[in-house]
């Protein structure tokens, strides 16, 4: 799935986003692009679960 994460603006943000996603699915495949504010995630977790954990981490996301 692809997520738009407006608050992800740098490499540190991308690491925080990756850490939050991995807390739900440790085996998730994650490709972040802070410049475009996008993350591509291959996971078995639901988009709702990812959106919740990202919002809790300060990175609200929308699926695109």
C-alpha atoms as a PDB file:
ATOM      1  CA  UNK A   1       0.000   0.000   0.000  1.00  0.00           C
ATOM      2  CA  UNK A   2       1.047   3.597  -0.479  1.00  0.00           C
ATOM      3  CA  UNK A   3       0.763   6.155   2.279  1.00  0.00           C
ATOM      4  CA  UNK A   4       0.963   9.940   2.095  1.00  0.00           C
ATOM      5  CA  UNK A   5       2.623  11.248   5.274  1.00  0.00           C
ATOM      6  CA  UNK A   6       2.672  15.050   5.320  1.00  0.00           C
ATOM      7  CA  UNK A   7       4.845  15.316   8.466  1.00  0.00           C
ATOM      8  CA  UNK A   8       7.616  13.086   7.057  1.00  0.00           C
ATOM      9  CA  UNK A   9      10.085  15.674   5.771  1.00  0.00           C
ATOM     10  CA  UNK A  10      13.565  14.243   6.469  1.00  0.00           C
ATOM     11  CA  UNK A  11      15.566  11.080   7.020  1.00  0.00           C
ATOM     12  CA  UNK A  12      14.944  11.189  10.769  1.00  0.00           C
ATOM     13  CA  UNK A  13      11.213  11.321  10.128  1.00  0.00           C
ATOM     14  CA  UNK A  14      11.526   8.385   7.746  1.00  0.00           C
ATOM     15  CA  UNK A  15      13.302   6.355  10.442  1.00  0.00           C
ATOM     16  CA  UNK A  16      10.518   7.177  12.916  1.00  0.00           C
ATOM     17  CA  UNK A  17       7.879   6.152  10.373  1.00  0.00           C
ATOM     18  CA  UNK A  18       9.734   2.888   9.684  1.00  0.00           C
ATOM     19  CA  UNK A  19      10.023   2.167  13.411  1.00  0.00           C
ATOM     20  CA  UNK A  20       6.290   2.805  13.933  1.00  0.00           C
ATOM     21  CA  UNK A  21       5.312   0.511  11.040  1.00  0.00           C
ATOM     22  CA  UNK A  22       7.682  -2.220  12.237  1.00  0.00           C
ATOM     23  CA  UNK A  23       6.029  -2.091  15.684  1.00  0.00           C
ATOM     24  CA  UNK A  24       2.896  -3.454  13.973  1.00  0.00           C
ATOM     25  CA  UNK A  25       4.630  -5.718  11.436  1.00  0.00           C
ATOM     26  CA  UNK A  26       8.318  -6.457  12.084  1.00  0.00           C
ATOM     27  CA  UNK A  27       8.618  -8.062   8.626  1.00  0.00           C
ATOM     28  CA  UNK A  28       7.091  -5.194   6.644  1.00  0.00           C
ATOM     29  CA  UNK A  29       8.862  -4.067   3.504  1.00  0.00           C
ATOM     30  CA  UNK A  30       9.109  -0.284   3.710  1.00  0.00           C
ATOM     31  CA  UNK A  31      10.341   2.225   1.146  1.00  0.00           C
ATOM     32  CA  UNK A  32      10.177   5.850   2.280  1.00  0.00           C
ATOM     33  CA  UNK A  33      10.561   9.006   0.214  1.00  0.00           C
ATOM     34  CA  UNK A  34      10.645  12.047   2.547  1.00  0.00           C
ATOM     35  CA  UNK A  35      10.963  14.504  -0.362  1.00  0.00           C
ATOM     36  CA  UNK A  36       7.667  13.272  -1.825  1.00  0.00           C
ATOM     37  CA  UNK A  37       6.228  12.515   1.641  1.00  0.00           C
ATOM     38  CA  UNK A  38       5.341   8.999   0.532  1.00  0.00           C
ATOM     39  CA  UNK A  39       5.877   5.537   1.939  1.00  0.00           C
ATOM     40  CA  UNK A  40       5.351   2.266   0.097  1.00  0.00           C
ATOM     41  CA  UNK A  41       4.640  -0.566   2.502  1.00  0.00           C
ATOM     42  CA  UNK A  42       4.344  -4.299   1.895  1.00  0.00           C
ATOM     43  CA  UNK A  43       2.673  -5.686   4.989  1.00  0.00           C
ATOM     44  CA  UNK A  44       0.092  -8.095   6.307  1.00  0.00           C
ATOM     45  CA  UNK A  45      -1.170  -5.406   8.706  1.00  0.00           C
ATOM     46  CA  UNK A  46      -4.322  -3.485   7.858  1.00  0.00           C
ATOM     47  CA  UNK A  47      -4.188   0.094   6.654  1.00  0.00           C
ATOM     48  CA  UNK A  48      -6.248   1.061   9.711  1.00  0.00           C
ATOM     49  CA  UNK A  49      -3.615  -0.423  12.044  1.00  0.00           C
ATOM     50  CA  UNK A  50      -0.812   1.403  10.216  1.00  0.00           C
ATOM     51  CA  UNK A  51      -2.683   4.703  10.214  1.00  0.00           C
ATOM     52  CA  UNK A  52      -3.321   4.397  13.966  1.00  0.00           C
ATOM     53  CA  UNK A  53       0.297   3.652  14.893  1.00  0.00           C
ATOM     54  CA  UNK A  54       1.578   6.412  12.596  1.00  0.00           C
ATOM     55  CA  UNK A  55      -0.873   8.939  14.022  1.00  0.00           C
ATOM     56  CA  UNK A  56       0.200   7.951  17.552  1.00  0.00           C
ATOM     57  CA  UNK A  57       3.827   8.550  16.488  1.00  0.00           C
ATOM     58  CA  UNK A  58       2.973  12.034  15.185  1.00  0.00           C
ATOM     59  CA  UNK A  59       2.874  11.104  11.497  1.00  0.00           C
ATOM     60  CA  UNK A  60      -0.768  10.982  10.397  1.00  0.00           C
ATOM     61  CA  UNK A  61      -1.060   9.133   7.097  1.00  0.00           C
ATOM     62  CA  UNK A  62      -3.607   8.692   4.360  1.00  0.00           C
ATOM     63  CA  UNK A  63      -3.701   5.818   1.908  1.00  0.00           C
ATOM     64  CA  UNK A  64      -3.393   6.683  -1.762  1.00  0.00           C
END
